[in-house]
Amino acid sequence: MPFAHDFFDAIVSLDSYHYYGTDFGYLEFHILRHLKRGGQIGIVSPAYPVEIPLPSPEHPGDDWHWMNSVDWWERHWNRYPEMDVEHCKALSNGWQSWVRWHELCLGHGRRDDWAESEIRQLREDEGRYLGFVRMVGRRTYEMTLIGTTSTPE
């Protein structure tokens, strides 16, 4: 991103972080460097509210292989010493918000086979395995970057 280091007081990501934020170094090398010391990052992304048991149940099925659990997200962010995870919980009734979003899109003329399929699956699941994670983290201390050093205000 073409932003200066220590530029943002807060960074927010809604329903997109799961596409790129699972990479081990993404948070450190592409997000935290732009966040001021003491600044917060907040995300809401699709996630399993609980760990999927092994062997995997028939539901939710292969369509959802890309998702991670709320606990996985907390472990993932806790590996960064530059940040404290302040909040990591499943969004209560997040699956209902997901259904409502699809219904609104369909109600405004957007036709997608996958949307109707997701609505069916989300309603069948009723939040057992399909939902959202809500996370907030705070950058806690200095980051030494290649050729630069972040300084407190």
C-alpha atoms as a PDB file:
ATOM      1  CA  MET A   1       0.000   0.000   0.000  1.00  0.00           C
ATOM      2  CA  PRO A   2       1.306   3.464  -0.773  1.00  0.00           C
ATOM      3  CA  PHE A   3       0.729   4.820   2.747  1.00  0.00           C
ATOM      4  CA  ALA A   4       3.377   6.146   5.091  1.00  0.00           C
ATOM      5  CA  HIS A   5       4.475   4.121   8.082  1.00  0.00           C
ATOM      6  CA  ASP A   6       2.598   5.012  11.284  1.00  0.00           C
ATOM      7  CA  PHE A   7      -0.105   6.700   9.194  1.00  0.00           C
ATOM      8  CA  PHE A   8      -3.463   5.352  10.447  1.00  0.00           C
ATOM      9  CA  ASP A   9      -5.096   5.575  13.880  1.00  0.00           C
ATOM     10  CA  ALA A  10      -7.380   2.675  12.940  1.00  0.00           C
ATOM     11  CA  ILE A  11      -7.794   0.155  10.134  1.00  0.00           C
ATOM     12  CA  VAL A  12     -11.119  -1.632   9.569  1.00  0.00           C
ATOM     13  CA  SER A  13     -11.869  -4.576   7.301  1.00  0.00           C
ATOM     14  CA  LEU A  14     -15.371  -5.956   6.803  1.00  0.00           C
ATOM     15  CA  ASP A  15     -15.850  -9.277   5.027  1.00  0.00           C
ATOM     16  CA  SER A  16     -12.550  -9.202   3.159  1.00  0.00           C
ATOM     17  CA  TYR A  17      -9.651  -9.921   5.518  1.00  0.00           C
ATOM     18  CA  HIS A  18     -10.059 -13.687   5.138  1.00  0.00           C
ATOM     19  CA  TYR A  19      -9.026 -13.399   1.467  1.00  0.00           C
ATOM     20  CA  TYR A  20      -5.531 -12.088   2.232  1.00  0.00           C
ATOM     21  CA  GLY A  21      -5.007 -11.993   6.001  1.00  0.00           C
ATOM     22  CA  THR A  22      -4.367 -15.708   6.492  1.00  0.00           C
ATOM     23  CA  ASP A  23      -0.848 -15.369   5.104  1.00  0.00           C
ATOM     24  CA  PHE A  24       1.672 -15.625   7.949  1.00  0.00           C
ATOM     25  CA  GLY A  25       3.415 -12.301   7.289  1.00  0.00           C
ATOM     26  CA  TYR A  26       0.521 -10.229   5.968  1.00  0.00           C
ATOM     27  CA  LEU A  27      -0.466  -8.493   9.198  1.00  0.00           C
ATOM     28  CA  GLU A  28       3.108  -7.615  10.106  1.00  0.00           C
ATOM     29  CA  PHE A  29       4.409  -6.576   6.699  1.00  0.00           C
ATOM     30  CA  HIS A  30       1.327  -5.052   5.096  1.00  0.00           C
ATOM     31  CA  ILE A  31      -0.915  -3.745   7.879  1.00  0.00           C
ATOM     32  CA  LEU A  32       0.814  -3.071  11.207  1.00  0.00           C
ATOM     33  CA  ARG A  33       3.559  -0.946   9.664  1.00  0.00           C
ATOM     34  CA  HIS A  34       0.916   1.577   8.557  1.00  0.00           C
ATOM     35  CA  LEU A  35      -0.840   1.623  11.937  1.00  0.00           C
ATOM     36  CA  LYS A  36       0.313   4.153  14.529  1.00  0.00           C
ATOM     37  CA  ARG A  37       1.570   2.856  17.851  1.00  0.00           C
ATOM     38  CA  GLY A  38      -1.547   2.468  19.998  1.00  0.00           C
ATOM     39  CA  GLY A  39      -3.725   2.289  16.875  1.00  0.00           C
ATOM     40  CA  GLN A  40      -6.339  -0.397  16.404  1.00  0.00           C
ATOM     41  CA  ILE A  41      -7.229  -2.858  13.669  1.00  0.00           C
ATOM     42  CA  GLY A  42     -10.706  -4.351  13.572  1.00  0.00           C
ATOM     43  CA  ILE A  43     -12.088  -7.047  11.316  1.00  0.00           C
ATOM     44  CA  VAL A  44     -15.294  -8.959  10.781  1.00  0.00           C
ATOM     45  CA  SER A  45     -14.803 -11.986   8.522  1.00  0.00           C
ATOM     46  CA  PRO A  46     -16.456 -15.337   7.893  1.00  0.00           C
ATOM     47  CA  ALA A  47     -15.303 -17.942  10.420  1.00  0.00           C
ATOM     48  CA  TYR A  48     -16.313 -21.157  12.094  1.00  0.00           C
ATOM     49  CA  PRO A  49     -17.597 -20.265  15.591  1.00  0.00           C
ATOM     50  CA  VAL A  50     -16.072 -23.550  16.820  1.00  0.00           C
ATOM     51  CA  GLU A  51     -13.296 -25.849  15.659  1.00  0.00           C
ATOM     52  CA  ILE A  52     -14.565 -28.360  13.097  1.00  0.00           C
ATOM     53  CA  PRO A  53     -14.306 -31.838  14.637  1.00  0.00           C
ATOM     54  CA  LEU A  54     -12.290 -34.594  12.980  1.00  0.00           C
ATOM     55  CA  PRO A  55     -13.278 -36.528  11.079  1.00  0.00           C
ATOM     56  CA  SER A  56     -15.105 -33.613   9.468  1.00  0.00           C
ATOM     57  CA  PRO A  57     -18.881 -33.819   9.560  1.00  0.00           C
ATOM     58  CA  GLU A  58     -20.795 -34.013   6.283  1.00  0.00           C
ATOM     59  CA  HIS A  59     -22.034 -30.490   6.956  1.00  0.00           C
ATOM     60  CA  PRO A  60     -20.774 -27.810   6.295  1.00  0.00           C
ATOM     61  CA  GLY A  61     -19.035 -29.640   3.464  1.00  0.00           C
ATOM     62  CA  ASP A  62     -16.299 -28.850   0.987  1.00  0.00           C
ATOM     63  CA  ASP A  63     -17.772 -25.484  -0.040  1.00  0.00           C
ATOM     64  CA  TRP A  64     -16.451 -24.040   3.211  1.00  0.00           C
ATOM     65  CA  HIS A  65     -12.906 -25.432   3.240  1.00  0.00           C
ATOM     66  CA  TRP A  66     -11.437 -21.927   3.008  1.00  0.00           C
ATOM     67  CA  MET A  67     -12.784 -20.792   6.400  1.00  0.00           C
ATOM     68  CA  ASN A  68     -10.916 -20.845   9.699  1.00  0.00           C
ATOM     69  CA  SER A  69     -12.255 -20.963  13.240  1.00  0.00           C
ATOM     70  CA  VAL A  70     -12.483 -18.093  15.709  1.00  0.00           C
ATOM     71  CA  ASP A  71      -9.794 -19.829  17.803  1.00  0.00           C
ATOM     72  CA  TRP A  72      -7.579 -20.132  14.722  1.00  0.00           C
ATOM     73  CA  TRP A  73      -7.862 -16.384  14.082  1.00  0.00           C
ATOM     74  CA  GLU A  74      -6.936 -15.607  17.689  1.00  0.00           C
ATOM     75  CA  ARG A  75      -3.872 -17.881  17.515  1.00  0.00           C
ATOM     76  CA  HIS A  76      -2.939 -16.352  14.153  1.00  0.00           C
ATOM     77  CA  TRP A  77      -2.957 -12.769  15.474  1.00  0.00           C
ATOM     78  CA  ASN A  78      -1.350 -13.675  18.811  1.00  0.00           C
ATOM     79  CA  ARG A  79       1.859 -14.689  17.041  1.00  0.00           C
ATOM     80  CA  TYR A  80       2.649 -11.018  16.399  1.00  0.00           C
ATOM     81  CA  PRO A  81       4.478  -9.465  19.369  1.00  0.00           C
ATOM     82  CA  GLU A  82       3.766  -5.979  17.981  1.00  0.00           C
ATOM     83  CA  MET A  83       0.057  -6.358  18.720  1.00  0.00           C
ATOM     84  CA  ASP A  84      -2.277  -7.207  21.596  1.00  0.00           C
ATOM     85  CA  VAL A  85      -5.492  -8.995  20.675  1.00  0.00           C
ATOM     86  CA  GLU A  86      -8.164  -7.127  22.644  1.00  0.00           C
ATOM     87  CA  HIS A  87     -11.225  -8.950  21.354  1.00  0.00           C
ATOM     88  CA  CYS A  88     -11.794 -12.156  19.406  1.00  0.00           C
ATOM     89  CA  LYS A  89     -15.272 -13.657  19.505  1.00  0.00           C
ATOM     90  CA  ALA A  90     -17.822 -15.205  17.224  1.00  0.00           C
ATOM     91  CA  LEU A  91     -20.346 -12.583  16.175  1.00  0.00           C
ATOM     92  CA  SER A  92     -23.609 -13.507  17.867  1.00  0.00           C
ATOM     93  CA  ASN A  93     -26.122 -14.602  15.211  1.00  0.00           C
ATOM     94  CA  GLY A  94     -23.650 -13.640  12.502  1.00  0.00           C
ATOM     95  CA  TRP A  95     -25.134 -16.248  10.186  1.00  0.00           C
ATOM     96  CA  GLN A  96     -28.436 -14.317  10.241  1.00  0.00           C
ATOM     97  CA  SER A  97     -26.660 -11.140   9.121  1.00  0.00           C
ATOM     98  CA  TRP A  98     -25.049 -13.147   6.321  1.00  0.00           C
ATOM     99  CA  VAL A  99     -28.463 -14.418   5.180  1.00  0.00           C
ATOM    100  CA  ARG A 100     -29.933 -10.913   5.399  1.00  0.00           C
ATOM    101  CA  TRP A 101     -27.112  -9.506   3.243  1.00  0.00           C
ATOM    102  CA  HIS A 102     -27.795 -12.113   0.550  1.00  0.00           C
ATOM    103  CA  GLU A 103     -31.543 -11.411   0.732  1.00  0.00           C
ATOM    104  CA  LEU A 104     -30.947  -7.689   0.281  1.00  0.00           C
ATOM    105  CA  CYS A 105     -28.708  -8.306  -2.733  1.00  0.00           C
ATOM    106  CA  LEU A 106     -31.238 -10.661  -4.296  1.00  0.00           C
ATOM    107  CA  GLY A 107     -34.052  -8.210  -3.510  1.00  0.00           C
ATOM    108  CA  HIS A 108     -32.268  -5.536  -5.522  1.00  0.00           C
ATOM    109  CA  GLY A 109     -31.988  -7.636  -8.637  1.00  0.00           C
ATOM    110  CA  ARG A 110     -28.665  -9.352  -8.080  1.00  0.00           C
ATOM    111  CA  ARG A 111     -29.066 -12.984  -9.127  1.00  0.00           C
ATOM    112  CA  ASP A 112     -26.417 -15.468  -8.090  1.00  0.00           C
ATOM    113  CA  ASP A 113     -26.748 -19.217  -7.817  1.00  0.00           C
ATOM    114  CA  TRP A 114     -24.134 -19.227  -5.077  1.00  0.00           C
ATOM    115  CA  ALA A 115     -26.091 -16.679  -3.006  1.00  0.00           C
ATOM    116  CA  GLU A 116     -29.211 -18.825  -3.002  1.00  0.00           C
ATOM    117  CA  SER A 117     -27.107 -21.894  -2.201  1.00  0.00           C
ATOM    118  CA  GLU A 118     -25.395 -20.078   0.680  1.00  0.00           C
ATOM    119  CA  ILE A 119     -28.739 -18.938   2.077  1.00  0.00           C
ATOM    120  CA  ARG A 120     -29.945 -22.548   2.124  1.00  0.00           C
ATOM    121  CA  GLN A 121     -26.752 -23.771   3.773  1.00  0.00           C
ATOM    122  CA  LEU A 122     -26.682 -20.967   6.335  1.00  0.00           C
ATOM    123  CA  ARG A 123     -30.296 -21.615   7.322  1.00  0.00           C
ATOM    124  CA  GLU A 124     -29.651 -25.344   7.637  1.00  0.00           C
ATOM    125  CA  ASP A 125     -26.583 -24.682   9.768  1.00  0.00           C
ATOM    126  CA  GLU A 126     -28.227 -22.082  12.084  1.00  0.00           C
ATOM    127  CA  GLY A 127     -24.851 -20.857  13.320  1.00  0.00           C
ATOM    128  CA  ARG A 128     -23.399 -24.223  14.392  1.00  0.00           C
ATOM    129  CA  TYR A 129     -20.423 -24.003  12.026  1.00  0.00           C
ATOM    130  CA  LEU A 130     -20.990 -20.942   9.825  1.00  0.00           C
ATOM    131  CA  GLY A 131     -20.658 -17.408  11.118  1.00  0.00           C
ATOM    132  CA  PHE A 132     -18.333 -14.464  11.588  1.00  0.00           C
ATOM    133  CA  VAL A 133     -15.374 -13.595  13.769  1.00  0.00           C
ATOM    134  CA  ARG A 134     -15.121 -10.094  15.220  1.00  0.00           C
ATOM    135  CA  MET A 135     -11.575  -9.113  16.190  1.00  0.00           C
ATOM    136  CA  VAL A 136      -9.860  -6.027  17.525  1.00  0.00           C
ATOM    137  CA  GLY A 137      -6.130  -5.688  18.014  1.00  0.00           C
ATOM    138  CA  ARG A 138      -3.910  -2.816  19.120  1.00  0.00           C
ATOM    139  CA  ARG A 139      -0.376  -2.137  17.942  1.00  0.00           C
ATOM    140  CA  THR A 140       1.600  -2.025  21.159  1.00  0.00           C
ATOM    141  CA  TYR A 141       5.186  -1.089  20.483  1.00  0.00           C
ATOM    142  CA  GLU A 142       7.892  -0.105  18.076  1.00  0.00           C
ATOM    143  CA  MET A 143       8.397  -1.901  14.815  1.00  0.00           C
ATOM    144  CA  THR A 144      11.814  -1.885  13.223  1.00  0.00           C
ATOM    145  CA  LEU A 145      11.307  -1.811   9.495  1.00  0.00           C
ATOM    146  CA  ILE A 146      13.915  -2.246   6.808  1.00  0.00           C
ATOM    147  CA  GLY A 147      15.727   1.091   6.665  1.00  0.00           C
ATOM    148  CA  THR A 148      13.326   2.859   9.044  1.00  0.00           C
ATOM    149  CA  THR A 149      12.289   2.883  12.675  1.00  0.00           C
ATOM    150  CA  SER A 150       8.838   3.695  13.938  1.00  0.00           C
ATOM    151  CA  THR A 151       8.875   6.345  16.673  1.00  0.00           C
ATOM    152  CA  PRO A 152       6.230   7.024  19.318  1.00  0.00           C
ATOM    153  CA  GLU A 153       4.310  10.261  19.335  1.00  0.00           C
END
